[in-house]
């Protein structure tokens, strides 16, 4: 016997056109509550709270591969965006004993900070704690990129500035470039940081690295346009 369809619900809640993974998950979970015409597709079941618990699924999605791989980070992000309460679990995974899981969790937290800073704000201390001193340049990159996106107390801000001033001299050029970019953002509010930013810009422009020269040019234009 075919299950009855809740035609009214379907009419009022069509699946979005070209849905993201997060939109698909959210639609199917709500559909399960309102209509019994069909189950959640098997491919989505393990990523929903009705399946093998979304929280344990997060770690599985971020596990495996090597440091050049992002595993299933896109699916993990879709899950968190569909269920923002999982941000706390993602924050826990940032301190996971598996370095790859930790790195990928921090990467997702940084990306979420760009799109949903309020979700990450309660977990901001991850970005100024021991992970900010990690020997993984990937994590250091995620830290310096995220710092301007969050709100800090005066005491926390001192730690933030120390991290950025340190990392404009990091051996990895991408870390250096983004540390300067972020420090310049703080300098727009705290002009006492401008001399440090100006010296770093001059150093980058003479570095011989196109990536650093390009970042220096963008930063100089940005602070110049801000007056």
N, C-alpha and C. Protein backbone atom coordinates (compact mmCIF):
# COMPACT_ATOMS: atom_id res chain seq x y z
N UNK A 1 0.84 -1.19 0.00
CA UNK A 1 0.00 0.00 0.00
C UNK A 1 0.88 1.25 0.00
N UNK A 2 0.63 2.15 -0.93
CA UNK A 2 1.41 3.37 -1.05
C UNK A 2 1.03 4.35 0.04
N UNK A 3 2.03 4.95 0.68
CA UNK A 3 1.78 5.93 1.74
C UNK A 3 1.10 7.16 1.15
N UNK A 4 0.21 7.75 1.95
CA UNK A 4 -0.51 8.94 1.50
C UNK A 4 0.46 10.11 1.40
N UNK A 5 0.26 10.91 0.37
CA UNK A 5 1.09 12.08 0.16
C UNK A 5 0.42 13.31 0.75
N UNK A 6 1.17 14.14 1.41
CA UNK A 6 0.66 15.40 1.94
C UNK A 6 0.80 16.44 0.83
N UNK A 7 -0.19 16.45 -0.06
CA UNK A 7 -0.10 17.31 -1.25
C UNK A 7 -0.01 18.78 -0.88
N UNK A 8 -0.73 19.17 0.16
CA UNK A 8 -0.70 20.58 0.57
C UNK A 8 0.69 21.02 0.98
N UNK A 9 1.38 20.16 1.75
CA UNK A 9 2.74 20.51 2.19
C UNK A 9 3.67 20.60 0.99
N UNK A 10 3.56 19.62 0.08
CA UNK A 10 4.42 19.63 -1.10
C UNK A 10 4.20 20.89 -1.93
N UNK A 11 2.97 21.32 -2.05
CA UNK A 11 2.67 22.51 -2.85
C UNK A 11 3.28 23.76 -2.23
N UNK A 12 3.23 23.83 -0.88
CA UNK A 12 3.74 25.01 -0.19
C UNK A 12 5.26 24.98 -0.02
N UNK A 13 5.85 23.78 -0.14
CA UNK A 13 7.28 23.65 0.12
C UNK A 13 7.98 22.85 -0.99
N UNK A 14 8.05 23.39 -2.19
CA UNK A 14 8.76 22.67 -3.25
C UNK A 14 10.26 22.64 -2.98
N UNK A 15 10.91 21.61 -3.46
CA UNK A 15 12.36 21.55 -3.37
C UNK A 15 12.94 22.74 -4.14
N UNK A 16 13.89 23.48 -3.57
CA UNK A 16 14.50 24.61 -4.30
C UNK A 16 15.12 24.13 -5.62
N UNK A 17 15.12 25.01 -6.61
CA UNK A 17 15.77 24.69 -7.87
C UNK A 17 17.28 24.68 -7.65
N UNK A 18 17.96 23.69 -8.23
CA UNK A 18 19.40 23.53 -8.08
C UNK A 18 19.81 23.68 -6.61
N UNK A 19 19.26 22.85 -5.73
CA UNK A 19 19.53 23.01 -4.30
C UNK A 19 20.96 22.67 -3.93
N UNK A 20 21.47 23.36 -2.92
CA UNK A 20 22.75 22.98 -2.34
C UNK A 20 22.54 21.71 -1.53
N UNK A 21 23.63 21.07 -1.12
CA UNK A 21 23.51 19.88 -0.28
C UNK A 21 22.78 20.21 1.02
N UNK A 22 23.11 21.36 1.59
CA UNK A 22 22.44 21.76 2.83
C UNK A 22 20.95 21.94 2.65
N UNK A 23 20.54 22.55 1.53
CA UNK A 23 19.12 22.74 1.26
C UNK A 23 18.41 21.40 1.04
N UNK A 24 19.08 20.46 0.38
CA UNK A 24 18.49 19.13 0.17
C UNK A 24 18.28 18.43 1.51
N UNK A 25 19.31 18.47 2.37
CA UNK A 25 19.20 17.81 3.67
C UNK A 25 18.05 18.42 4.47
N UNK A 26 18.02 19.75 4.54
CA UNK A 26 16.99 20.44 5.32
C UNK A 26 15.60 20.11 4.79
N UNK A 27 15.45 20.08 3.46
CA UNK A 27 14.14 19.80 2.87
C UNK A 27 13.69 18.39 3.22
N UNK A 28 14.58 17.41 3.08
CA UNK A 28 14.19 16.02 3.33
C UNK A 28 13.87 15.77 4.80
N UNK A 29 14.62 16.41 5.70
CA UNK A 29 14.33 16.23 7.12
C UNK A 29 12.95 16.79 7.46
N UNK A 30 12.65 17.98 6.95
CA UNK A 30 11.32 18.57 7.21
C UNK A 30 10.23 17.75 6.55
N UNK A 31 10.53 17.22 5.36
CA UNK A 31 9.57 16.38 4.65
C UNK A 31 9.20 15.14 5.45
N UNK A 32 10.20 14.54 6.13
CA UNK A 32 9.93 13.36 6.95
C UNK A 32 8.93 13.66 8.05
N UNK A 33 8.95 14.89 8.55
CA UNK A 33 8.04 15.28 9.63
C UNK A 33 6.62 15.51 9.12
N UNK A 34 6.49 15.92 7.87
CA UNK A 34 5.20 16.37 7.34
C UNK A 34 4.53 15.42 6.38
N UNK A 35 5.30 14.49 5.81
CA UNK A 35 4.74 13.63 4.77
C UNK A 35 5.46 12.29 4.78
N UNK A 36 4.71 11.22 4.52
CA UNK A 36 5.30 9.87 4.55
C UNK A 36 5.34 9.23 3.18
N UNK A 37 5.34 10.06 2.13
CA UNK A 37 5.25 9.48 0.79
C UNK A 37 6.52 8.78 0.36
N UNK A 38 7.67 9.15 0.91
CA UNK A 38 8.92 8.50 0.55
C UNK A 38 9.97 8.78 1.62
N UNK A 39 10.93 7.89 1.78
CA UNK A 39 11.98 8.09 2.80
C UNK A 39 13.06 9.04 2.32
N UNK A 40 13.91 9.45 3.24
CA UNK A 40 15.08 10.25 2.86
C UNK A 40 15.98 9.38 1.98
N UNK A 41 16.50 9.90 0.87
CA UNK A 41 17.39 9.10 0.02
C UNK A 41 18.55 8.52 0.82
N UNK A 42 18.94 7.31 0.47
CA UNK A 42 20.01 6.63 1.20
C UNK A 42 21.29 7.46 1.23
N UNK A 43 21.57 8.18 0.15
CA UNK A 43 22.80 8.96 0.07
C UNK A 43 22.84 10.09 1.09
N UNK A 44 21.66 10.50 1.60
CA UNK A 44 21.59 11.59 2.56
C UNK A 44 21.37 11.12 3.98
N UNK A 45 20.96 9.88 4.15
CA UNK A 45 20.54 9.43 5.47
C UNK A 45 21.62 9.57 6.54
N UNK A 46 22.87 9.22 6.21
CA UNK A 46 23.91 9.27 7.25
C UNK A 46 24.29 10.70 7.61
N UNK A 47 23.82 11.67 6.82
CA UNK A 47 24.16 13.07 7.09
C UNK A 47 23.05 13.81 7.83
N UNK A 48 22.04 13.10 8.23
CA UNK A 48 20.92 13.74 8.92
C UNK A 48 20.79 13.19 10.34
N UNK A 49 20.15 13.96 11.24
CA UNK A 49 19.96 13.49 12.60
C UNK A 49 19.10 12.24 12.70
N UNK A 50 18.36 11.92 11.62
CA UNK A 50 17.53 10.74 11.64
C UNK A 50 18.31 9.48 11.26
N UNK A 51 19.55 9.71 10.77
CA UNK A 51 20.37 8.57 10.37
C UNK A 51 21.37 8.23 11.45
N UNK A 52 22.61 8.02 11.06
CA UNK A 52 23.63 7.57 12.01
C UNK A 52 24.19 8.75 12.80
N UNK A 53 23.34 9.60 13.29
CA UNK A 53 23.62 10.83 14.04
C UNK A 53 24.58 11.71 13.28
N UNK A 54 24.08 12.90 12.95
CA UNK A 54 24.87 13.85 12.18
C UNK A 54 26.19 14.16 12.84
N UNK A 55 26.23 14.16 14.19
CA UNK A 55 27.47 14.53 14.86
C UNK A 55 28.58 13.54 14.57
N UNK A 56 28.29 12.24 14.69
CA UNK A 56 29.33 11.26 14.37
C UNK A 56 29.64 11.29 12.88
N UNK A 57 28.66 11.66 12.06
CA UNK A 57 28.90 11.75 10.63
C UNK A 57 29.92 12.82 10.30
N UNK A 58 29.93 13.92 11.07
CA UNK A 58 30.87 14.99 10.81
C UNK A 58 32.31 14.47 10.83
N UNK A 59 32.64 13.71 11.84
CA UNK A 59 34.02 13.23 11.93
C UNK A 59 34.35 12.29 10.78
N UNK A 60 33.40 11.43 10.41
CA UNK A 60 33.64 10.53 9.29
C UNK A 60 33.88 11.32 8.01
N UNK A 61 33.12 12.38 7.83
CA UNK A 61 33.26 13.18 6.62
C UNK A 61 34.60 13.92 6.56
N UNK A 62 35.20 14.18 7.71
CA UNK A 62 36.46 14.92 7.74
C UNK A 62 37.68 14.01 7.89
N UNK A 63 37.47 12.70 7.89
CA UNK A 63 38.56 11.75 8.10
C UNK A 63 39.08 11.19 6.78
N UNK A 64 40.31 10.70 6.83
CA UNK A 64 40.87 9.97 5.70
C UNK A 64 41.65 10.84 4.73
N UNK A 65 42.29 10.18 3.77
CA UNK A 65 43.07 10.89 2.78
C UNK A 65 44.38 11.40 3.35
N UNK A 66 44.95 12.40 2.69
CA UNK A 66 46.18 13.02 3.18
C UNK A 66 45.97 14.51 3.29
N UNK A 67 47.02 15.25 3.65
CA UNK A 67 46.86 16.67 3.94
C UNK A 67 46.53 17.48 2.69
N UNK A 68 46.73 16.92 1.51
CA UNK A 68 46.36 17.62 0.28
C UNK A 68 44.89 17.43 -0.06
N UNK A 69 44.23 16.51 0.66
CA UNK A 69 42.83 16.18 0.40
C UNK A 69 41.94 16.89 1.41
N UNK A 70 40.73 17.26 0.96
CA UNK A 70 39.76 17.86 1.89
C UNK A 70 38.72 16.84 2.34
N UNK A 71 38.94 15.55 2.01
CA UNK A 71 37.98 14.48 2.33
C UNK A 71 36.60 14.89 1.82
N UNK A 72 35.59 14.84 2.69
CA UNK A 72 34.23 15.22 2.28
C UNK A 72 33.82 16.52 2.98
N UNK A 73 34.73 17.48 2.97
CA UNK A 73 34.49 18.74 3.69
C UNK A 73 33.27 19.49 3.16
N UNK A 74 33.04 19.40 1.86
CA UNK A 74 31.88 20.12 1.31
C UNK A 74 30.57 19.55 1.87
N UNK A 75 30.52 18.23 1.99
CA UNK A 75 29.33 17.61 2.56
C UNK A 75 29.21 17.94 4.05
N UNK A 76 30.34 18.00 4.73
CA UNK A 76 30.32 18.37 6.15
C UNK A 76 29.81 19.80 6.32
N UNK A 77 30.26 20.70 5.46
CA UNK A 77 29.78 22.08 5.55
C UNK A 77 28.28 22.16 5.28
N UNK A 78 27.82 21.40 4.30
CA UNK A 78 26.39 21.39 4.02
C UNK A 78 25.59 20.92 5.23
N UNK A 79 26.11 19.92 5.92
CA UNK A 79 25.43 19.40 7.10
C UNK A 79 25.36 20.47 8.18
N UNK A 80 26.47 21.16 8.42
CA UNK A 80 26.49 22.18 9.47
C UNK A 80 25.60 23.36 9.09
N UNK A 81 25.58 23.73 7.83
CA UNK A 81 24.73 24.85 7.42
C UNK A 81 23.26 24.48 7.50
N UNK A 82 22.96 23.20 7.32
CA UNK A 82 21.57 22.76 7.49
C UNK A 82 21.20 22.69 8.96
N UNK A 83 22.16 22.38 9.83
CA UNK A 83 21.93 22.25 11.26
C UNK A 83 23.00 23.03 12.01
N UNK A 84 22.83 24.34 12.19
CA UNK A 84 23.85 25.18 12.82
C UNK A 84 24.25 24.73 14.23
N UNK A 85 23.39 23.95 14.89
CA UNK A 85 23.75 23.47 16.23
C UNK A 85 24.99 22.57 16.19
N UNK A 86 25.35 22.07 15.02
CA UNK A 86 26.52 21.21 14.89
C UNK A 86 27.84 22.00 14.87
N UNK A 87 27.76 23.34 14.89
CA UNK A 87 28.99 24.12 14.93
C UNK A 87 29.81 23.77 16.17
N UNK A 88 29.13 23.52 17.28
CA UNK A 88 29.83 23.14 18.50
C UNK A 88 30.59 21.84 18.33
N UNK A 89 29.99 20.87 17.64
CA UNK A 89 30.69 19.61 17.38
C UNK A 89 31.88 19.85 16.46
N UNK A 90 31.71 20.73 15.49
CA UNK A 90 32.82 21.06 14.59
C UNK A 90 33.97 21.71 15.38
N UNK A 91 33.62 22.57 16.34
CA UNK A 91 34.64 23.19 17.18
C UNK A 91 35.39 22.14 18.00
N UNK A 92 34.68 21.14 18.49
CA UNK A 92 35.33 20.05 19.22
C UNK A 92 36.30 19.30 18.32
N UNK A 93 35.92 19.10 17.06
CA UNK A 93 36.77 18.37 16.13
C UNK A 93 38.02 19.16 15.77
N UNK A 94 37.98 20.48 15.94
CA UNK A 94 39.17 21.29 15.67
C UNK A 94 40.31 20.91 16.60
N UNK A 95 39.99 20.32 17.74
CA UNK A 95 41.02 19.90 18.70
C UNK A 95 41.16 18.37 18.71
N UNK A 96 40.70 17.73 17.65
CA UNK A 96 40.78 16.28 17.53
C UNK A 96 42.23 15.82 17.47
N UNK A 97 42.48 14.61 17.96
CA UNK A 97 43.83 14.06 17.94
C UNK A 97 44.35 13.75 16.55
N UNK A 98 43.45 13.57 15.59
CA UNK A 98 43.83 13.34 14.20
C UNK A 98 44.10 14.71 13.56
N UNK A 99 45.34 14.97 13.17
CA UNK A 99 45.71 16.29 12.64
C UNK A 99 44.92 16.66 11.41
N UNK A 100 44.59 15.67 10.58
CA UNK A 100 43.83 15.98 9.37
C UNK A 100 42.41 16.41 9.72
N UNK A 101 41.80 15.73 10.69
CA UNK A 101 40.45 16.12 11.12
C UNK A 101 40.49 17.52 11.71
N UNK A 102 41.49 17.78 12.55
CA UNK A 102 41.63 19.10 13.16
C UNK A 102 41.79 20.19 12.09
N UNK A 103 42.64 19.96 11.13
CA UNK A 103 42.89 20.94 10.07
C UNK A 103 41.64 21.21 9.26
N UNK A 104 40.92 20.14 8.91
CA UNK A 104 39.71 20.32 8.10
C UNK A 104 38.59 20.99 8.89
N UNK A 105 38.51 20.68 10.19
CA UNK A 105 37.50 21.34 11.03
C UNK A 105 37.80 22.83 11.14
N UNK A 106 39.08 23.18 11.32
CA UNK A 106 39.45 24.60 11.39
C UNK A 106 39.18 25.30 10.06
N UNK A 107 39.44 24.59 8.98
CA UNK A 107 39.16 25.17 7.66
C UNK A 107 37.68 25.48 7.51
N UNK A 108 36.83 24.55 7.94
CA UNK A 108 35.39 24.79 7.85
C UNK A 108 34.95 25.91 8.77
N UNK A 109 35.52 25.98 9.97
CA UNK A 109 35.16 27.06 10.89
C UNK A 109 35.54 28.41 10.30
N UNK A 110 36.70 28.46 9.65
CA UNK A 110 37.10 29.72 9.02
C UNK A 110 36.14 30.09 7.89
N UNK A 111 35.77 29.12 7.07
CA UNK A 111 34.83 29.40 5.99
C UNK A 111 33.46 29.83 6.55
N UNK A 112 33.02 29.17 7.61
CA UNK A 112 31.75 29.55 8.23
C UNK A 112 31.83 30.95 8.83
N UNK A 113 32.99 31.34 9.34
CA UNK A 113 33.15 32.68 9.91
C UNK A 113 32.93 33.75 8.86
N UNK A 114 33.29 33.46 7.61
CA UNK A 114 33.04 34.41 6.53
C UNK A 114 31.55 34.55 6.25
N UNK A 115 30.84 33.44 6.29
CA UNK A 115 29.41 33.46 5.94
C UNK A 115 28.49 33.63 7.13
N UNK A 116 28.89 33.12 8.29
CA UNK A 116 28.02 33.11 9.48
C UNK A 116 28.87 33.38 10.72
N UNK A 117 29.43 34.56 10.82
CA UNK A 117 30.36 34.85 11.93
C UNK A 117 29.72 34.61 13.29
N UNK A 118 28.43 34.89 13.42
CA UNK A 118 27.75 34.72 14.71
C UNK A 118 27.76 33.26 15.16
N UNK A 119 27.77 32.32 14.23
CA UNK A 119 27.80 30.90 14.59
C UNK A 119 29.15 30.53 15.22
N UNK A 120 30.21 31.15 14.71
CA UNK A 120 31.57 30.79 15.14
C UNK A 120 31.99 31.60 16.36
N UNK A 121 31.38 32.75 16.57
CA UNK A 121 31.78 33.65 17.65
C UNK A 121 31.90 32.95 19.03
N UNK A 122 30.94 32.08 19.40
CA UNK A 122 31.08 31.42 20.72
C UNK A 122 32.32 30.53 20.85
N UNK A 123 32.94 30.21 19.72
CA UNK A 123 34.11 29.31 19.73
C UNK A 123 35.38 30.06 19.31
N UNK A 124 35.37 31.38 19.45
CA UNK A 124 36.47 32.20 18.95
C UNK A 124 37.81 31.88 19.60
N UNK A 125 37.79 31.40 20.84
CA UNK A 125 39.06 31.17 21.53
C UNK A 125 39.90 30.08 20.85
N UNK A 126 39.28 29.27 20.01
CA UNK A 126 40.07 28.31 19.23
C UNK A 126 41.13 29.01 18.40
N UNK A 127 40.81 30.23 17.95
CA UNK A 127 41.68 30.94 17.02
C UNK A 127 42.79 31.73 17.72
N UNK A 128 42.74 31.81 19.06
CA UNK A 128 43.83 32.48 19.78
C UNK A 128 44.45 31.56 20.84
N UNK A 129 44.01 30.31 20.86
CA UNK A 129 44.55 29.32 21.79
C UNK A 129 45.74 28.59 21.18
N UNK A 130 46.01 27.38 21.67
CA UNK A 130 47.18 26.61 21.20
C UNK A 130 47.22 26.38 19.69
N UNK A 131 46.04 26.29 19.04
CA UNK A 131 46.05 26.05 17.60
C UNK A 131 46.68 27.21 16.83
N UNK A 132 46.64 28.42 17.40
CA UNK A 132 47.26 29.57 16.75
C UNK A 132 48.77 29.44 16.70
N UNK A 133 49.32 28.53 17.52
CA UNK A 133 50.77 28.29 17.55
C UNK A 133 51.13 26.96 16.88
N UNK A 134 50.19 26.40 16.15
CA UNK A 134 50.40 25.10 15.52
C UNK A 134 51.60 25.11 14.57
N UNK A 135 52.26 23.96 14.44
CA UNK A 135 53.34 23.85 13.46
C UNK A 135 52.79 23.52 12.07
N UNK A 136 51.47 23.42 11.95
CA UNK A 136 50.82 23.22 10.65
C UNK A 136 50.56 24.59 10.02
N UNK A 137 51.18 24.86 8.87
CA UNK A 137 50.96 26.17 8.25
C UNK A 137 49.52 26.32 7.77
N UNK A 138 48.88 25.19 7.45
CA UNK A 138 47.49 25.28 7.00
C UNK A 138 46.59 25.83 8.12
N UNK A 139 46.81 25.34 9.35
CA UNK A 139 46.02 25.83 10.47
C UNK A 139 46.36 27.29 10.77
N UNK A 140 47.64 27.64 10.70
CA UNK A 140 48.03 29.03 10.93
C UNK A 140 47.36 29.95 9.89
N UNK A 141 47.25 29.47 8.66
CA UNK A 141 46.59 30.25 7.62
C UNK A 141 45.12 30.46 7.96
N UNK A 142 44.46 29.39 8.39
CA UNK A 142 43.04 29.50 8.75
C UNK A 142 42.85 30.46 9.91
N UNK A 143 43.77 30.44 10.86
CA UNK A 143 43.70 31.34 12.01
C UNK A 143 43.79 32.79 11.59
N UNK A 144 44.84 33.13 10.82
CA UNK A 144 45.04 34.55 10.49
C UNK A 144 43.92 35.07 9.58
N UNK A 145 43.35 34.21 8.76
CA UNK A 145 42.24 34.65 7.91
C UNK A 145 40.97 34.89 8.71
N UNK A 146 40.77 34.13 9.77
CA UNK A 146 39.53 34.23 10.54
C UNK A 146 39.54 35.37 11.56
N UNK A 147 40.70 35.76 12.05
CA UNK A 147 40.76 36.70 13.18
C UNK A 147 39.98 38.00 12.96
N UNK A 148 40.03 38.63 11.77
CA UNK A 148 39.28 39.89 11.61
C UNK A 148 37.76 39.71 11.52
N UNK A 149 37.32 38.48 11.39
CA UNK A 149 35.90 38.22 11.19
C UNK A 149 35.13 38.12 12.51
N UNK A 150 35.86 38.05 13.62
CA UNK A 150 35.25 37.82 14.92
C UNK A 150 35.44 39.04 15.82
N UNK A 151 34.65 39.13 16.88
CA UNK A 151 34.74 40.24 17.83
C UNK A 151 35.60 39.83 19.01
N UNK A 152 36.44 40.78 19.49
CA UNK A 152 37.40 40.47 20.54
C UNK A 152 37.34 41.50 21.65
N UNK A 153 37.57 41.04 22.87
CA UNK A 153 37.74 41.97 23.98
C UNK A 153 39.11 42.64 23.83
N UNK A 154 39.36 43.68 24.63
CA UNK A 154 40.65 44.38 24.55
C UNK A 154 41.80 43.43 24.84
N UNK A 155 41.64 42.59 25.85
CA UNK A 155 42.71 41.65 26.20
C UNK A 155 42.92 40.62 25.09
N UNK A 156 41.83 40.09 24.54
CA UNK A 156 41.93 39.12 23.45
C UNK A 156 42.56 39.77 22.22
N UNK A 157 42.22 41.02 22.00
CA UNK A 157 42.74 41.73 20.83
C UNK A 157 44.27 41.85 20.89
N UNK A 158 44.81 42.01 22.09
CA UNK A 158 46.27 42.05 22.23
C UNK A 158 46.89 40.75 21.75
N UNK A 159 46.27 39.63 22.09
CA UNK A 159 46.76 38.34 21.64
C UNK A 159 46.61 38.23 20.11
N UNK A 160 45.49 38.69 19.58
CA UNK A 160 45.26 38.67 18.14
C UNK A 160 46.37 39.43 17.41
N UNK A 161 46.68 40.61 17.88
CA UNK A 161 47.70 41.44 17.23
C UNK A 161 49.06 40.77 17.32
N UNK A 162 49.38 40.16 18.46
CA UNK A 162 50.67 39.46 18.59
C UNK A 162 50.77 38.32 17.58
N UNK A 163 49.67 37.58 17.41
CA UNK A 163 49.66 36.48 16.44
C UNK A 163 49.95 37.00 15.03
N UNK A 164 49.27 38.07 14.65
CA UNK A 164 49.40 38.60 13.29
C UNK A 164 50.78 39.22 13.07
N UNK A 165 51.28 39.94 14.07
CA UNK A 165 52.62 40.52 13.93
C UNK A 165 53.68 39.43 13.80
N UNK A 166 53.49 38.34 14.51
CA UNK A 166 54.41 37.21 14.41
C UNK A 166 54.33 36.57 13.03
N UNK A 167 53.11 36.38 12.55
CA UNK A 167 52.93 35.58 11.34
C UNK A 167 53.14 36.35 10.05
N UNK A 168 53.36 37.66 10.11
CA UNK A 168 53.78 38.35 8.88
C UNK A 168 55.23 37.98 8.55
N UNK A 169 55.86 37.20 9.43
CA UNK A 169 57.21 36.70 9.16
C UNK A 169 57.24 35.17 9.10
N UNK A 170 56.07 34.56 8.94
CA UNK A 170 56.00 33.09 8.88
C UNK A 170 56.74 32.59 7.63
N UNK A 171 57.38 31.41 7.70
CA UNK A 171 58.09 30.88 6.53
C UNK A 171 57.18 30.65 5.32
N UNK A 172 55.92 30.33 5.54
CA UNK A 172 55.01 30.06 4.43
C UNK A 172 54.42 31.39 3.93
N UNK A 173 54.60 31.66 2.65
CA UNK A 173 54.23 32.98 2.13
C UNK A 173 52.74 33.26 2.18
N UNK A 174 51.88 32.22 2.07
CA UNK A 174 50.45 32.46 2.13
C UNK A 174 50.04 32.90 3.54
N UNK A 175 50.68 32.32 4.54
CA UNK A 175 50.42 32.75 5.91
C UNK A 175 50.85 34.20 6.09
N UNK A 176 52.05 34.54 5.58
CA UNK A 176 52.55 35.91 5.69
C UNK A 176 51.59 36.89 5.01
N UNK A 177 51.15 36.52 3.81
CA UNK A 177 50.28 37.43 3.03
C UNK A 177 48.97 37.71 3.76
N UNK A 178 48.36 36.66 4.28
CA UNK A 178 47.06 36.85 4.93
C UNK A 178 47.21 37.44 6.32
N UNK A 179 48.34 37.21 6.98
CA UNK A 179 48.58 37.87 8.27
C UNK A 179 48.66 39.37 8.06
N UNK A 180 49.34 39.81 7.01
CA UNK A 180 49.40 41.24 6.70
C UNK A 180 48.02 41.79 6.37
N UNK A 181 47.28 41.07 5.56
CA UNK A 181 45.94 41.51 5.18
C UNK A 181 45.06 41.70 6.42
N UNK A 182 45.11 40.74 7.32
CA UNK A 182 44.28 40.82 8.53
C UNK A 182 44.77 41.91 9.47
N UNK A 183 46.09 42.05 9.61
CA UNK A 183 46.63 43.10 10.47
C UNK A 183 46.22 44.47 9.95
N UNK A 184 46.20 44.63 8.63
CA UNK A 184 45.77 45.90 8.05
C UNK A 184 44.31 46.20 8.39
N UNK A 185 43.49 45.17 8.44
CA UNK A 185 42.09 45.36 8.82
C UNK A 185 41.99 45.92 10.24
N UNK A 186 42.77 45.38 11.15
CA UNK A 186 42.77 45.89 12.52
C UNK A 186 43.38 47.29 12.59
N UNK A 187 44.37 47.56 11.72
CA UNK A 187 45.02 48.87 11.73
C UNK A 187 44.07 49.98 11.28
N UNK A 188 43.07 49.65 10.51
CA UNK A 188 42.10 50.66 10.10
C UNK A 188 41.32 51.19 11.30
N UNK A 189 41.23 50.40 12.37
CA UNK A 189 40.57 50.84 13.59
C UNK A 189 41.57 51.31 14.64
N UNK A 190 42.77 50.76 14.60
CA UNK A 190 43.81 51.12 15.56
C UNK A 190 45.02 51.63 14.79
N UNK A 191 45.11 52.94 14.63
CA UNK A 191 46.13 53.53 13.77
C UNK A 191 47.56 53.31 14.31
N UNK A 192 47.69 52.92 15.56
CA UNK A 192 49.03 52.66 16.10
C UNK A 192 49.68 51.46 15.41
N UNK A 193 48.87 50.65 14.74
CA UNK A 193 49.41 49.49 14.03
C UNK A 193 49.90 49.83 12.62
N UNK A 194 49.58 51.03 12.15
CA UNK A 194 49.92 51.39 10.77
C UNK A 194 51.41 51.34 10.47
N UNK A 195 52.29 51.78 11.37
CA UNK A 195 53.73 51.67 11.04
C UNK A 195 54.18 50.24 10.81
N UNK A 196 53.63 49.30 11.57
CA UNK A 196 53.99 47.88 11.38
C UNK A 196 53.50 47.42 10.02
N UNK A 197 52.28 47.80 9.68
CA UNK A 197 51.72 47.43 8.38
C UNK A 197 52.53 48.05 7.25
N UNK A 198 52.90 49.31 7.39
CA UNK A 198 53.66 50.00 6.34
C UNK A 198 55.01 49.34 6.12
N UNK A 199 55.70 48.96 7.19
CA UNK A 199 57.00 48.29 7.05
C UNK A 199 56.85 46.94 6.36
N UNK A 200 55.79 46.22 6.74
CA UNK A 200 55.56 44.91 6.12
C UNK A 200 55.24 45.05 4.63
N UNK A 201 54.47 46.07 4.27
CA UNK A 201 54.16 46.32 2.86
C UNK A 201 55.44 46.56 2.08
N UNK A 202 56.31 47.42 2.61
CA UNK A 202 57.58 47.71 1.93
C UNK A 202 58.42 46.44 1.77
N UNK A 203 58.45 45.63 2.83
CA UNK A 203 59.23 44.38 2.78
C UNK A 203 58.66 43.43 1.74
N UNK A 204 57.35 43.30 1.71
CA UNK A 204 56.71 42.39 0.75
C UNK A 204 56.97 42.85 -0.69
N UNK A 205 56.91 44.16 -0.89
CA UNK A 205 57.09 44.68 -2.26
C UNK A 205 58.51 44.44 -2.77
N UNK A 206 59.46 44.26 -1.87
CA UNK A 206 60.85 44.01 -2.26
C UNK A 206 61.21 42.53 -2.18
N UNK A 207 60.23 41.69 -1.92
CA UNK A 207 60.50 40.28 -1.63
C UNK A 207 60.84 39.44 -2.84
N UNK A 208 60.41 39.88 -4.02
CA UNK A 208 60.59 39.06 -5.22
C UNK A 208 59.51 38.03 -5.42
N UNK A 209 58.58 37.92 -4.46
CA UNK A 209 57.45 36.98 -4.57
C UNK A 209 56.24 37.71 -5.14
N UNK A 210 55.73 37.22 -6.27
CA UNK A 210 54.57 37.87 -6.87
C UNK A 210 53.36 37.83 -5.96
N UNK A 211 53.20 36.71 -5.24
CA UNK A 211 52.04 36.58 -4.34
C UNK A 211 52.11 37.63 -3.24
N UNK A 212 53.30 37.83 -2.66
CA UNK A 212 53.45 38.82 -1.60
C UNK A 212 53.34 40.24 -2.14
N UNK A 213 53.89 40.46 -3.32
CA UNK A 213 53.80 41.78 -3.93
C UNK A 213 52.35 42.16 -4.25
N UNK A 214 51.60 41.18 -4.74
CA UNK A 214 50.20 41.43 -5.05
C UNK A 214 49.40 41.74 -3.80
N UNK A 215 49.64 40.96 -2.73
CA UNK A 215 48.94 41.21 -1.48
C UNK A 215 49.30 42.58 -0.91
N UNK A 216 50.59 42.93 -0.99
CA UNK A 216 51.03 44.24 -0.49
C UNK A 216 50.34 45.36 -1.25
N UNK A 217 50.23 45.21 -2.57
CA UNK A 217 49.58 46.24 -3.37
C UNK A 217 48.11 46.40 -2.98
N UNK A 218 47.43 45.27 -2.80
CA UNK A 218 46.02 45.33 -2.41
C UNK A 218 45.83 45.99 -1.03
N UNK A 219 46.72 45.63 -0.11
CA UNK A 219 46.63 46.20 1.24
C UNK A 219 46.90 47.70 1.19
N UNK A 220 47.94 48.10 0.43
CA UNK A 220 48.25 49.52 0.33
C UNK A 220 47.08 50.30 -0.25
N UNK A 221 46.45 49.75 -1.29
CA UNK A 221 45.29 50.43 -1.89
C UNK A 221 44.14 50.53 -0.89
N UNK A 222 43.95 49.46 -0.12
CA UNK A 222 42.83 49.44 0.82
C UNK A 222 43.00 50.47 1.93
N UNK A 223 44.17 50.52 2.51
CA UNK A 223 44.37 51.47 3.59
C UNK A 223 44.46 52.90 3.06
N UNK A 224 44.94 53.01 1.80
CA UNK A 224 44.98 54.34 1.19
C UNK A 224 43.59 54.87 0.90
N UNK A 225 42.71 54.01 0.43
CA UNK A 225 41.33 54.42 0.14
C UNK A 225 40.56 54.75 1.40
N UNK A 226 41.01 54.16 2.53
CA UNK A 226 40.32 54.44 3.78
C UNK A 226 40.76 55.77 4.40
N UNK A 227 41.74 56.40 3.77
CA UNK A 227 42.20 57.69 4.25
C UNK A 227 43.12 57.58 5.43
